[in-house]
């Protein structure tokens, strides 16, 4: 990496300081530090009633230097740790000479450990007067300037570690994301669901209608797929095996487009619940979403992506056929593909004309969906677009499927699981014909899954939830809610 001008001067100066530290017996890259140190946020809470005087209490902190100011015989640094930041003061009368000498070698970006007395300044800021100082890691490159640093979205994603350092709100997102998934996990475990692990590499990409990633398995000399569902067919085999409640949280992969709510690899949860149907599923899911939102946001009312959401109000039931008829005038079971195409053209909705009628119907639905703020459940989807769901008891043209609809988008999908092996096999055959006609998202015929069904799978409800819901809770595009989103590699010479 080539450095020029002011940046090179700064870097050279820091390298010189590293040499000087070593010359006075200071290791600029320590091995460890105090295991029982204090955090800034905890200290601020502990001493919130401390008056403008010294407490006499000693604190030990460690973190990154974000700001450094020198005012004659006194200098200040702002130390950032996991729970916030705190001011450290180096003062001739209070700070030992050796510590003062080391403090002069500190730069912004350095990671240091400090031991000192807690007090509150005349301006009311809780601070620590340093008595001992250790440089734990000497930074060679300077941090970006607060207001002129990481300007582009691409640079923020590529150097996410700097984005997190400079933006406390970004750091909080990923702490909340852990709370999100832990709440989901605890919710299910409390209800006696068993957490399982299913294969990421599959010989048949099943469990969803999506385009898979393909790779080659050298040891077996076969092409395999990265999973496009969270082990749906595997988890249903576990129902065959006798487990009654299972779930998995993990990464899945779809070789499709990037937009505000879609990524190619993302975290998903799926559960499967024997002896339950989609009515049971809707009750459980509503309860789970409320518990998750409360844990992450502390409220059931929030604004996101231009919508006001209140999860505490009555969740509506929306009918797929009725909504499309109301919003577009199309009768999905009676109108032809040609008529649907004319309506799509009239509404200026993009579509691929070579796909079958039901793919076009689903494109119409997604247009209608944007008009629904929710919260609620969409039901009554046609059999043709849900090859793994059980037929409706009221209308055999439809399935017992439910999609969570919030802010005009799908926030989860579930259904009464199809456990009739002959019906399942026939639907797989139709999916294969669609794939042969050019529908890349059509599903494979999974013969081994049909074989498992022939041994008998109990009636069940399954449901899937992705991190899209978390991104909406955060009111951010999903890419901003991934720590390290996939980026194109830089061209040679553009590393800086």
Protein backbone atom coordinates (compact mmCIF):
# COMPACT_ATOMS: atom_id res chain seq x y z
CA UNK A 1 0.00 0.00 0.00
CA UNK A 2 1.46 3.33 -1.05
CA UNK A 3 1.03 6.25 1.32
CA UNK A 4 1.52 9.84 0.30
CA UNK A 5 1.75 13.31 1.81
CA UNK A 6 0.29 13.96 5.24
CA UNK A 7 -0.78 10.35 5.71
CA UNK A 8 2.78 9.12 5.18
CA UNK A 9 4.13 11.69 7.64
CA UNK A 10 1.68 10.54 10.31
CA UNK A 11 2.52 6.88 9.73
CA UNK A 12 6.27 7.51 9.79
CA UNK A 13 5.89 9.44 13.06
CA UNK A 14 4.02 6.57 14.65
CA UNK A 15 6.60 4.02 13.54
CA UNK A 16 9.27 6.28 15.11
CA UNK A 17 7.32 6.28 18.39
CA UNK A 18 7.19 2.48 18.36
CA UNK A 19 10.99 2.41 18.20
CA UNK A 20 11.25 4.98 21.02
CA UNK A 21 8.90 2.96 23.22
CA UNK A 22 10.98 -0.15 22.73
CA UNK A 23 14.13 1.84 23.53
CA UNK A 24 12.72 2.78 26.95
CA UNK A 25 11.65 -0.80 27.66
CA UNK A 26 7.95 -0.48 26.74
CA UNK A 27 6.37 -3.20 24.61
CA UNK A 28 3.94 -1.44 22.21
CA UNK A 29 2.11 -4.74 21.56
CA UNK A 30 1.30 -6.26 24.96
CA UNK A 31 0.17 -9.83 25.56
CA UNK A 32 -2.72 -9.18 27.96
CA UNK A 33 -4.21 -6.75 30.44
CA UNK A 34 -6.22 -6.73 33.67
CA UNK A 35 -9.03 -9.27 33.54
CA UNK A 36 -11.11 -7.42 36.17
CA UNK A 37 -11.14 -3.99 34.54
CA UNK A 38 -14.04 -1.52 34.70
CA UNK A 39 -16.20 -0.37 31.77
CA UNK A 40 -16.88 3.29 31.12
CA UNK A 41 -20.67 2.94 31.14
CA UNK A 42 -20.58 1.03 34.43
CA UNK A 43 -18.39 3.70 36.04
CA UNK A 44 -20.69 6.50 34.87
CA UNK A 45 -23.69 4.71 36.40
CA UNK A 46 -21.82 3.82 39.60
CA UNK A 47 -20.68 7.39 40.24
CA UNK A 48 -23.67 9.29 38.85
CA UNK A 49 -24.19 11.00 42.23
CA UNK A 50 -20.52 11.88 42.71
CA UNK A 51 -20.04 15.61 43.35
CA UNK A 52 -17.35 17.76 41.71
CA UNK A 53 -14.52 16.22 43.66
CA UNK A 54 -12.29 13.17 43.83
CA UNK A 55 -13.91 9.95 44.96
CA UNK A 56 -10.72 8.31 46.15
CA UNK A 57 -11.86 5.17 44.33
CA UNK A 58 -9.48 3.52 41.88
CA UNK A 59 -10.66 2.28 38.47
CA UNK A 60 -8.93 0.20 35.83
CA UNK A 61 -10.07 0.73 32.24
CA UNK A 62 -8.91 -0.28 28.78
CA UNK A 63 -9.92 0.75 25.29
CA UNK A 64 -9.12 2.79 22.21
CA UNK A 65 -7.97 6.42 22.29
CA UNK A 66 -10.48 8.41 20.28
CA UNK A 67 -9.38 11.96 21.12
CA UNK A 68 -6.16 13.46 22.50
CA UNK A 69 -5.68 17.05 23.69
CA UNK A 70 -2.60 18.61 25.23
CA UNK A 71 -2.97 21.86 27.22
CA UNK A 72 0.42 22.76 28.70
CA UNK A 73 1.09 20.62 31.76
CA UNK A 74 -2.15 18.71 31.48
CA UNK A 75 -3.37 16.40 28.73
CA UNK A 76 -6.63 14.55 28.09
CA UNK A 77 -7.65 11.49 26.15
CA UNK A 78 -11.13 10.13 25.44
CA UNK A 79 -11.04 6.36 25.95
CA UNK A 80 -13.67 4.25 24.15
CA UNK A 81 -14.59 0.75 25.29
CA UNK A 82 -17.51 -1.62 24.68
CA UNK A 83 -19.92 0.36 26.89
CA UNK A 84 -19.11 3.94 25.91
CA UNK A 85 -16.26 6.34 26.63
CA UNK A 86 -14.61 8.12 29.54
CA UNK A 87 -12.11 10.96 29.92
CA UNK A 88 -8.58 10.20 31.15
CA UNK A 89 -6.45 13.04 32.52
CA UNK A 90 -2.66 13.15 32.77
CA UNK A 91 -1.61 15.85 35.25
CA UNK A 92 1.89 16.69 36.47
CA UNK A 93 0.95 16.79 40.17
CA UNK A 94 -1.09 13.59 40.14
CA UNK A 95 0.45 11.40 37.44
CA UNK A 96 3.86 9.73 37.97
CA UNK A 97 6.73 10.91 35.75
CA UNK A 98 7.14 7.56 33.97
CA UNK A 99 3.43 7.47 33.13
CA UNK A 100 3.61 11.03 31.80
CA UNK A 101 6.55 10.04 29.60
CA UNK A 102 4.64 7.11 28.10
CA UNK A 103 1.50 9.25 27.65
CA UNK A 104 3.41 11.54 25.27
CA UNK A 105 3.77 8.59 22.91
CA UNK A 106 0.00 8.05 22.71
CA UNK A 107 -1.90 8.77 19.47
CA UNK A 108 -5.55 8.48 18.52
CA UNK A 109 -6.33 4.91 17.61
CA UNK A 110 -3.95 3.40 20.17
CA UNK A 111 -5.35 0.80 22.57
CA UNK A 112 -4.28 1.51 26.15
CA UNK A 113 -4.92 0.40 29.70
CA UNK A 114 -5.22 2.96 32.49
CA UNK A 115 -5.37 2.76 36.28
CA UNK A 116 -6.29 5.87 38.24
CA UNK A 117 -8.58 7.72 40.64
CA UNK A 118 -12.15 8.53 39.68
CA UNK A 119 -13.35 12.12 40.05
CA UNK A 120 -15.75 14.62 38.50
CA UNK A 121 -14.40 17.76 36.82
CA UNK A 122 -15.70 21.27 37.46
CA UNK A 123 -17.62 20.93 34.18
CA UNK A 124 -19.34 17.86 35.57
CA UNK A 125 -17.62 15.17 33.48
CA UNK A 126 -16.70 11.91 35.20
CA UNK A 127 -12.99 11.33 34.62
CA UNK A 128 -10.00 9.29 35.75
CA UNK A 129 -6.67 10.83 36.78
CA UNK A 130 -4.09 8.41 35.40
CA UNK A 131 -1.56 6.86 37.76
CA UNK A 132 -0.53 3.91 35.62
CA UNK A 133 -0.61 3.64 31.82
CA UNK A 134 0.11 0.76 29.48
CA UNK A 135 0.16 1.02 25.72
CA UNK A 136 -1.39 -2.30 24.74
CA UNK A 137 -1.46 -1.84 20.95
CA UNK A 138 0.21 0.99 19.04
CA UNK A 139 -1.83 1.96 15.96
CA UNK A 140 0.22 2.73 12.86
CA UNK A 141 -2.60 4.08 10.69
CA UNK A 142 -4.65 7.04 12.01
CA UNK A 143 -8.39 6.75 12.52
CA UNK A 144 -10.65 8.49 10.00
CA UNK A 145 -11.64 12.02 10.92
CA UNK A 146 -15.07 12.08 12.57
CA UNK A 147 -16.73 14.20 9.89
CA UNK A 148 -14.48 13.65 6.89
CA UNK A 149 -13.56 9.98 7.20
CA UNK A 150 -15.51 7.05 5.76
CA UNK A 151 -17.63 8.87 3.21
CA UNK A 152 -18.94 6.23 0.82
CA UNK A 153 -21.20 3.30 1.69
CA UNK A 154 -18.77 0.93 -0.01
CA UNK A 155 -15.87 2.12 2.13
CA UNK A 156 -17.94 1.70 5.29
CA UNK A 157 -18.78 -1.89 4.37
CA UNK A 158 -15.26 -2.73 3.24
CA UNK A 159 -13.72 -1.26 6.41
CA UNK A 160 -16.55 -2.18 8.72
CA UNK A 161 -14.17 -2.33 11.70
CA UNK A 162 -13.54 1.42 11.28
CA UNK A 163 -17.25 2.11 10.78
CA UNK A 164 -17.95 0.40 14.12
CA UNK A 165 -15.14 2.29 15.89
CA UNK A 166 -16.32 5.68 14.62
CA UNK A 167 -20.09 5.12 14.96
CA UNK A 168 -21.39 3.89 18.32
CA UNK A 169 -24.85 3.40 16.78
CA UNK A 170 -23.43 0.83 14.37
CA UNK A 171 -21.79 -1.01 17.27
CA UNK A 172 -25.16 -1.11 19.07
CA UNK A 173 -26.85 -2.68 16.03
CA UNK A 174 -24.82 -5.87 16.32
CA UNK A 175 -25.28 -6.09 20.07
CA UNK A 176 -29.03 -5.86 19.44
CA UNK A 177 -28.75 -8.48 16.70
CA UNK A 178 -27.36 -10.94 19.23
CA UNK A 179 -30.32 -10.11 21.52
CA UNK A 180 -32.68 -10.70 18.56
CA UNK A 181 -31.46 -14.21 17.80
CA UNK A 182 -30.96 -15.16 21.45
CA UNK A 183 -34.56 -14.16 22.18
CA UNK A 184 -35.79 -16.33 19.29
CA UNK A 185 -33.67 -19.22 20.55
CA UNK A 186 -34.80 -18.88 24.17
CA UNK A 187 -38.45 -18.51 23.11
CA UNK A 188 -38.37 -21.85 21.31
CA UNK A 189 -36.25 -23.72 23.87
CA UNK A 190 -38.67 -22.63 26.65
CA UNK A 191 -41.40 -24.33 24.59
CA UNK A 192 -39.36 -27.56 24.37
CA UNK A 193 -38.12 -27.18 20.79
CA UNK A 194 -34.85 -29.03 20.16
CA UNK A 195 -32.11 -27.04 18.41
CA UNK A 196 -30.59 -29.11 15.59
CA UNK A 197 -27.96 -28.80 12.86
CA UNK A 198 -28.64 -29.91 9.28
CA UNK A 199 -26.31 -30.03 6.24
CA UNK A 200 -25.20 -26.83 4.52
CA UNK A 201 -24.05 -28.79 1.45
CA UNK A 202 -26.83 -30.68 -0.30
CA UNK A 203 -27.08 -32.87 -3.39
CA UNK A 204 -30.56 -31.43 -4.05
CA UNK A 205 -31.45 -27.79 -3.32
CA UNK A 206 -34.78 -28.27 -1.57
CA UNK A 207 -37.10 -26.54 0.86
CA UNK A 208 -37.70 -23.31 -1.07
CA UNK A 209 -38.19 -21.81 -4.52
CA UNK A 210 -34.86 -20.05 -5.11
CA UNK A 211 -31.69 -20.18 -7.22
CA UNK A 212 -28.90 -22.04 -5.39
CA UNK A 213 -25.13 -21.62 -5.41
CA UNK A 214 -23.34 -24.61 -6.94
CA UNK A 215 -19.92 -25.86 -5.89
CA UNK A 216 -17.87 -29.02 -6.34
CA UNK A 217 -17.11 -31.57 -3.64
CA UNK A 218 -13.63 -32.87 -4.47
CA UNK A 219 -13.57 -35.89 -2.17
CA UNK A 220 -16.85 -37.30 -3.54
CA UNK A 221 -16.32 -35.79 -7.02
CA UNK A 222 -19.87 -34.45 -7.19
CA UNK A 223 -21.49 -31.04 -7.61
CA UNK A 224 -23.38 -29.89 -4.53
CA UNK A 225 -25.57 -26.93 -3.60
CA UNK A 226 -25.35 -24.49 -0.71
CA UNK A 227 -28.66 -24.83 1.11
CA UNK A 228 -31.49 -22.45 0.21
CA UNK A 229 -33.57 -23.25 3.30
CA UNK A 230 -32.77 -23.87 6.93
CA UNK A 231 -32.89 -27.61 6.52
CA UNK A 232 -36.62 -27.81 5.82
CA UNK A 233 -36.59 -31.28 4.30
CA UNK A 234 -34.01 -32.51 6.82
CA UNK A 235 -36.02 -31.23 9.77
CA UNK A 236 -39.14 -32.91 8.43
CA UNK A 237 -37.15 -36.16 8.24
CA UNK A 238 -36.49 -35.61 11.95
CA UNK A 239 -40.27 -35.47 12.48
CA UNK A 240 -40.45 -38.82 10.70
CA UNK A 241 -37.74 -40.02 13.13
CA UNK A 242 -39.91 -39.13 16.13
CA UNK A 243 -38.72 -35.70 17.24
CA UNK A 244 -41.78 -33.51 17.75
CA UNK A 245 -40.33 -29.98 17.92
CA UNK A 246 -37.12 -28.92 16.17
CA UNK A 247 -35.52 -25.66 15.05
CA UNK A 248 -32.31 -24.41 13.49
CA UNK A 249 -30.69 -20.98 13.28
CA UNK A 250 -27.94 -20.64 10.68
CA UNK A 251 -26.74 -19.27 7.36
CA UNK A 252 -28.44 -20.02 4.06
CA UNK A 253 -27.62 -18.97 0.52
CA UNK A 254 -29.57 -17.82 -2.54
CA UNK A 255 -27.86 -16.79 -5.74
CA UNK A 256 -30.20 -13.90 -6.45
CA UNK A 257 -30.29 -10.09 -6.38
CA UNK A 258 -29.27 -7.52 -3.79
CA UNK A 259 -31.73 -4.88 -2.64
CA UNK A 260 -32.98 -3.26 0.56
CA UNK A 261 -34.30 -6.56 1.95
CA UNK A 262 -32.42 -9.28 0.04
CA UNK A 263 -28.89 -10.69 0.34
CA UNK A 264 -27.25 -13.83 -1.04
CA UNK A 265 -26.19 -15.23 2.33
CA UNK A 266 -28.09 -14.45 5.49
CA UNK A 267 -29.24 -15.88 8.82
CA UNK A 268 -32.54 -17.75 8.99
CA UNK A 269 -34.49 -19.64 11.63
CA UNK A 270 -36.92 -22.44 10.83
CA UNK A 271 -38.96 -24.51 13.27
CA UNK A 272 -41.04 -27.65 12.73
CA UNK A 273 -43.81 -28.60 15.15
CA UNK A 274 -45.47 -32.03 15.01
CA UNK A 275 -49.21 -32.38 15.60
CA UNK A 276 -49.76 -28.65 14.98
CA UNK A 277 -51.24 -26.86 11.97
CA UNK A 278 -51.00 -23.36 10.52
CA UNK A 279 -53.57 -22.00 12.97
CA UNK A 280 -51.35 -23.08 15.85
CA UNK A 281 -48.38 -21.64 14.01
CA UNK A 282 -49.94 -18.19 13.63
CA UNK A 283 -50.65 -17.99 17.37
CA UNK A 284 -47.11 -19.01 18.30
CA UNK A 285 -45.47 -16.72 15.73
CA UNK A 286 -47.43 -13.64 16.83
CA UNK A 287 -46.34 -14.29 20.40
CA UNK A 288 -42.71 -14.77 19.32
CA UNK A 289 -42.57 -11.57 17.24
CA UNK A 290 -43.90 -9.51 20.13
CA UNK A 291 -41.38 -10.99 22.55
CA UNK A 292 -38.51 -10.35 20.11
CA UNK A 293 -39.54 -6.73 19.42
CA UNK A 294 -39.80 -5.99 23.14
CA UNK A 295 -36.38 -7.50 23.79
CA UNK A 296 -34.70 -5.55 20.97
CA UNK A 297 -36.57 -2.22 21.10
CA UNK A 298 -38.30 -2.20 24.48
CA UNK A 299 -41.61 -1.42 22.76
CA UNK A 300 -44.17 -2.89 20.36
CA UNK A 301 -44.68 0.45 18.60
CA UNK A 302 -42.04 1.75 16.20
CA UNK A 303 -41.53 3.51 12.87
CA UNK A 304 -39.61 1.86 10.06
CA UNK A 305 -39.18 2.36 6.33
CA UNK A 306 -41.98 4.93 6.22
CA UNK A 307 -44.53 2.88 8.18
CA UNK A 308 -45.87 3.18 11.71
CA UNK A 309 -46.08 -0.29 13.28
CA UNK A 310 -47.97 -1.39 16.37
CA UNK A 311 -47.50 -5.10 17.05
CA UNK A 312 -49.83 -4.94 20.07
CA UNK A 313 -52.93 -4.28 17.99
CA UNK A 314 -55.07 -7.08 16.52
CA UNK A 315 -53.23 -8.95 13.77
CA UNK A 316 -55.32 -9.02 10.60
CA UNK A 317 -55.99 -11.98 8.29
CA UNK A 318 -55.52 -11.16 4.57
CA UNK A 319 -56.75 -13.46 1.79
CA UNK A 320 -54.42 -13.83 -1.20
CA UNK A 321 -57.16 -14.20 -3.82
CA UNK A 322 -59.39 -11.43 -2.43
CA UNK A 323 -56.59 -8.87 -2.12
CA UNK A 324 -55.36 -9.36 -5.69
CA UNK A 325 -58.94 -9.06 -6.97
CA UNK A 326 -59.52 -5.89 -4.93
CA UNK A 327 -56.28 -4.14 -5.94
CA UNK A 328 -55.86 -5.27 -9.57
CA UNK A 329 -59.21 -6.66 -10.77
CA UNK A 330 -57.58 -10.02 -11.57
CA UNK A 331 -59.33 -13.25 -10.62
CA UNK A 332 -56.35 -15.56 -10.12
CA UNK A 333 -58.19 -18.84 -10.75
CA UNK A 334 -60.36 -17.67 -13.65
CA UNK A 335 -58.26 -15.19 -15.63
CA UNK A 336 -55.72 -16.30 -18.23
CA UNK A 337 -51.99 -15.71 -18.32
CA UNK A 338 -52.52 -13.25 -21.18
CA UNK A 339 -54.93 -11.17 -19.11
CA UNK A 340 -52.52 -11.14 -16.19
CA UNK A 341 -49.70 -9.97 -18.48
CA UNK A 342 -51.89 -7.11 -19.75
CA UNK A 343 -52.57 -6.05 -16.16
CA UNK A 344 -48.85 -6.20 -15.30
CA UNK A 345 -48.09 -4.04 -18.34
CA UNK A 346 -50.83 -1.58 -17.35
CA UNK A 347 -49.41 -1.33 -13.81
CA UNK A 348 -45.85 -1.00 -15.22
CA UNK A 349 -44.60 -3.97 -13.19
CA UNK A 350 -41.48 -5.80 -14.39
CA UNK A 351 -41.83 -9.52 -15.11
CA UNK A 352 -40.34 -12.35 -17.14
CA UNK A 353 -42.99 -13.36 -19.72
CA UNK A 354 -41.61 -16.91 -20.16
CA UNK A 355 -42.50 -18.02 -16.62
CA UNK A 356 -45.78 -19.81 -15.93
CA UNK A 357 -49.04 -18.10 -14.93
CA UNK A 358 -48.59 -18.62 -11.20
CA UNK A 359 -45.23 -16.86 -11.07
CA UNK A 360 -46.94 -13.86 -12.69
CA UNK A 361 -49.77 -14.08 -10.17
CA UNK A 362 -47.23 -13.93 -7.35
CA UNK A 363 -45.63 -10.84 -8.91
CA UNK A 364 -49.10 -9.24 -8.82
CA UNK A 365 -49.39 -10.18 -5.15
CA UNK A 366 -46.07 -8.53 -4.30
CA UNK A 367 -47.39 -5.34 -5.91
CA UNK A 368 -50.52 -5.53 -3.73
CA UNK A 369 -48.51 -6.37 -0.60
CA UNK A 370 -46.87 -2.93 -0.52
CA UNK A 371 -50.25 -1.41 0.34
CA UNK A 372 -50.59 -3.39 3.59
CA UNK A 373 -48.96 -1.98 6.71
CA UNK A 374 -49.92 -4.92 8.96
CA UNK A 375 -49.33 -6.56 11.27
CA UNK A 376 -51.17 -9.56 9.93
CA UNK A 377 -51.09 -12.92 8.19
CA UNK A 378 -51.59 -13.63 4.49
CA UNK A 379 -53.43 -16.91 3.84
CA UNK A 380 -55.04 -18.73 0.91
CA UNK A 381 -52.08 -19.02 -1.46
CA UNK A 382 -52.53 -21.24 -4.55
CA UNK A 383 -51.15 -24.79 -4.49
CA UNK A 384 -49.01 -24.03 -7.54
CA UNK A 385 -46.73 -21.57 -5.69
CA UNK A 386 -46.37 -23.60 -2.46
CA UNK A 387 -45.31 -27.14 -3.37
CA UNK A 388 -44.51 -28.17 0.21
CA UNK A 389 -47.68 -26.93 1.94
CA UNK A 390 -50.79 -28.97 2.79
CA UNK A 391 -53.97 -28.30 0.79
CA UNK A 392 -56.64 -26.18 2.42
CA UNK A 393 -59.49 -28.03 4.10
CA UNK A 394 -61.94 -25.46 2.69
CA UNK A 395 -60.59 -25.08 -0.87
CA UNK A 396 -58.33 -27.70 -2.48
CA UNK A 397 -56.99 -25.10 -4.95
CA UNK A 398 -55.26 -23.37 -2.04
CA UNK A 399 -52.84 -24.32 0.73
CA UNK A 400 -52.75 -23.75 4.47
CA UNK A 401 -49.93 -21.24 4.32
CA UNK A 402 -49.38 -18.08 6.37
CA UNK A 403 -46.98 -15.23 5.71
CA UNK A 404 -46.28 -12.53 8.28
CA UNK A 405 -46.99 -9.15 6.65
CA UNK A 406 -45.54 -6.02 8.29
CA UNK A 407 -44.72 -2.72 6.54
CA UNK A 408 -45.80 -4.01 3.14
CA UNK A 409 -43.32 -6.87 3.07
CA UNK A 410 -43.08 -10.54 4.01
CA UNK A 411 -41.49 -11.03 7.43
CA UNK A 412 -41.84 -14.78 7.75
CA UNK A 413 -43.46 -17.78 6.08
CA UNK A 414 -45.03 -20.97 7.35
CA UNK A 415 -47.65 -23.60 6.62
CA UNK A 416 -49.31 -26.82 7.56
CA UNK A 417 -46.73 -29.24 6.21
CA UNK A 418 -47.63 -31.60 3.38
CA UNK A 419 -47.27 -35.16 4.68
CA UNK A 420 -49.09 -37.02 1.89
CA UNK A 421 -46.20 -38.63 -0.06
CA UNK A 422 -48.23 -39.17 -3.25
CA UNK A 423 -49.41 -35.55 -3.36
CA UNK A 424 -45.85 -34.39 -2.62
CA UNK A 425 -44.39 -36.54 -5.40
CA UNK A 426 -46.88 -35.18 -7.93
CA UNK A 427 -46.07 -31.60 -6.98
CA UNK A 428 -42.34 -32.26 -7.29
CA UNK A 429 -42.94 -33.63 -10.82
CA UNK A 430 -44.71 -30.40 -11.76
CA UNK A 431 -41.82 -28.39 -10.32
CA UNK A 432 -39.36 -30.35 -12.46
CA UNK A 433 -41.38 -29.52 -15.59
CA UNK A 434 -41.30 -25.84 -14.66
CA UNK A 435 -37.53 -26.01 -14.19
CA UNK A 436 -37.13 -27.72 -17.57
CA UNK A 437 -39.18 -24.94 -19.18
CA UNK A 438 -36.79 -22.30 -17.83
CA UNK A 439 -38.05 -21.45 -14.33
CA UNK A 440 -34.77 -21.21 -12.38
CA UNK A 441 -36.57 -20.91 -9.03
CA UNK A 442 -38.63 -24.10 -9.42
CA UNK A 443 -37.83 -26.84 -6.90
CA UNK A 444 -36.03 -30.14 -7.42
CA UNK A 445 -37.62 -33.56 -7.09
CA UNK A 446 -36.18 -34.85 -3.82
CA UNK A 447 -36.73 -38.61 -4.06
CA UNK A 448 -35.18 -39.32 -0.67
CA UNK A 449 -37.57 -36.91 1.04
CA UNK A 450 -40.58 -38.56 -0.61
CA UNK A 451 -39.23 -41.93 0.52
CA UNK A 452 -39.05 -40.63 4.12
CA UNK A 453 -42.66 -39.40 3.89
CA UNK A 454 -43.74 -42.89 2.85
CA UNK A 455 -42.63 -44.12 6.28
CA UNK A 456 -45.06 -41.62 7.80
CA UNK A 457 -44.61 -38.02 8.99
CA UNK A 458 -47.06 -36.68 11.60
CA UNK A 459 -49.15 -33.63 10.75
CA UNK A 460 -47.02 -30.58 11.44
CA UNK A 461 -46.54 -26.83 11.12
CA UNK A 462 -43.29 -25.30 9.89
CA UNK A 463 -42.19 -21.67 9.89
CA UNK A 464 -39.19 -19.61 8.75
CA UNK A 465 -37.96 -16.20 9.92
CA UNK A 466 -34.93 -14.37 8.47
CA UNK A 467 -32.87 -11.42 9.65
CA UNK A 468 -35.00 -9.20 7.40
CA UNK A 469 -37.28 -8.71 10.41
CA UNK A 470 -34.30 -7.50 12.44
CA UNK A 471 -33.32 -4.99 9.74
CA UNK A 472 -36.85 -3.57 9.83
CA UNK A 473 -36.72 -3.29 13.61
CA UNK A 474 -33.51 -1.29 13.12
CA UNK A 475 -35.09 0.77 10.29
CA UNK A 476 -32.11 0.06 8.04
CA UNK A 477 -31.44 -1.82 4.79
CA UNK A 478 -30.52 -5.43 5.50
CA UNK A 479 -26.96 -4.96 4.19
CA UNK A 480 -26.28 -2.44 6.96
CA UNK A 481 -27.31 -5.06 9.51
CA UNK A 482 -24.68 -7.58 8.39
CA UNK A 483 -21.26 -7.20 10.00
CA UNK A 484 -19.24 -7.99 6.90
CA UNK A 485 -21.39 -8.02 3.73
CA UNK A 486 -19.80 -9.58 0.65
CA UNK A 487 -17.84 -7.05 -1.43
CA UNK A 488 -16.15 -7.25 -4.80
CA UNK A 489 -12.36 -7.51 -4.34
CA UNK A 490 -10.42 -4.32 -4.97
CA UNK A 491 -8.44 -3.97 -8.16
CA UNK A 492 -4.70 -4.28 -7.70
CA UNK A 493 -3.28 -0.95 -6.61
CA UNK A 494 -6.59 0.23 -5.07
CA UNK A 495 -6.03 -1.36 -1.65
CA UNK A 496 -6.01 1.97 0.19
